[in-house]
Amino acid sequence: MATGLIDKNKEQRDRGLGEVGEAVGRTARGVVQTAKGVYQAAGLVKVAAVGTLAFGIVDFKDASDAVLADPGSIP
């Protein structure tokens, strides 16, 4: 593009501008894909955290039920 501007070569200038436009388009698509990946990863982290919390509550409930059934089992 710069060569086309300096030499006043319209074809070179237009080809350079087209290449710049393609690069901008590729960069924009990359940014969008990265943002989608980050959003999806954040969703997976939330699901994992909720699942872990739910299993912890179930484990705690099972343990408390066992203690209530046999209070002598507490060391």
Protein backbone atom coordinates (compact mmCIF):
# COMPACT_ATOMS: atom_id res chain seq x y z
CA MET A 1 0.00 0.00 0.00
CA ALA A 2 2.75 2.47 0.94
CA THR A 3 4.59 1.80 -2.31
CA GLY A 4 1.39 2.42 -4.26
CA LEU A 5 0.86 5.72 -2.46
CA ILE A 6 4.43 6.89 -3.03
CA ASP A 7 4.53 5.78 -6.69
CA LYS A 8 0.90 6.85 -7.24
CA ASN A 9 0.24 3.33 -8.50
CA LYS A 10 -3.50 2.86 -8.10
CA GLU A 11 -3.43 -0.95 -8.48
CA GLN A 12 -0.74 -1.41 -5.84
CA ARG A 13 -2.52 1.00 -3.51
CA ASP A 14 -5.85 -0.79 -3.92
CA ARG A 15 -4.26 -4.21 -3.42
CA GLY A 16 -2.53 -2.95 -0.26
CA LEU A 17 -5.76 -1.49 1.08
CA GLY A 18 -7.50 -4.80 0.38
CA GLU A 19 -4.82 -6.66 2.33
CA VAL A 20 -5.18 -4.26 5.25
CA GLY A 21 -8.94 -4.80 5.20
CA GLU A 22 -8.47 -8.58 5.22
CA ALA A 23 -6.05 -8.34 8.16
CA VAL A 24 -8.50 -6.21 10.13
CA GLY A 25 -11.26 -8.73 9.40
CA ARG A 26 -9.12 -11.66 10.54
CA THR A 27 -8.17 -9.81 13.72
CA ALA A 28 -11.81 -8.99 14.49
CA ARG A 29 -12.84 -12.62 13.97
CA GLY A 30 -10.01 -13.73 16.26
CA VAL A 31 -11.13 -11.32 18.97
CA VAL A 32 -14.71 -12.58 18.74
CA GLN A 33 -13.61 -16.23 18.89
CA THR A 34 -11.40 -15.51 21.90
CA ALA A 35 -14.24 -13.72 23.68
CA LYS A 36 -16.55 -16.68 23.01
CA GLY A 37 -13.96 -19.05 24.42
CA VAL A 38 -13.52 -16.97 27.57
CA TYR A 39 -17.30 -16.76 28.05
CA GLN A 40 -17.70 -20.52 27.62
CA ALA A 41 -14.80 -21.24 29.98
CA ALA A 42 -16.35 -18.98 32.62
CA GLY A 43 -19.61 -20.91 32.27
CA LEU A 44 -17.77 -24.19 32.78
CA VAL A 45 -16.09 -22.84 35.89
CA LYS A 46 -19.49 -21.86 37.31
CA VAL A 47 -20.92 -25.31 36.57
CA ALA A 48 -17.93 -26.98 38.21
CA ALA A 49 -18.19 -24.75 41.28
CA VAL A 50 -21.91 -25.41 41.71
CA GLY A 51 -21.36 -29.15 41.22
CA THR A 52 -18.57 -29.21 43.78
CA LEU A 53 -20.67 -27.27 46.26
CA ALA A 54 -23.61 -29.62 45.73
CA PHE A 55 -21.46 -32.71 46.32
CA GLY A 56 -19.98 -31.09 49.44
CA ILE A 57 -23.45 -30.43 50.84
CA VAL A 58 -24.50 -34.02 50.13
CA ASP A 59 -21.35 -35.34 51.85
CA PHE A 60 -21.95 -33.09 54.86
CA LYS A 61 -25.59 -34.19 55.07
CA ASP A 62 -24.61 -37.86 54.89
CA ALA A 63 -22.03 -37.36 57.64
CA SER A 64 -24.47 -35.49 59.89
CA ASP A 65 -27.09 -38.22 59.36
CA ALA A 66 -24.55 -40.83 60.44
CA VAL A 67 -23.66 -38.86 63.59
CA LEU A 68 -27.33 -38.38 64.46
CA ALA A 69 -27.94 -42.11 64.01
CA ASP A 70 -25.00 -43.03 66.26
CA PRO A 71 -23.86 -40.13 68.49
CA GLY A 72 -21.24 -42.40 70.02
CA SER A 73 -19.37 -42.46 66.71
CA ILE A 74 -17.93 -38.99 67.35
CA PRO A 75 -14.31 -39.43 68.53
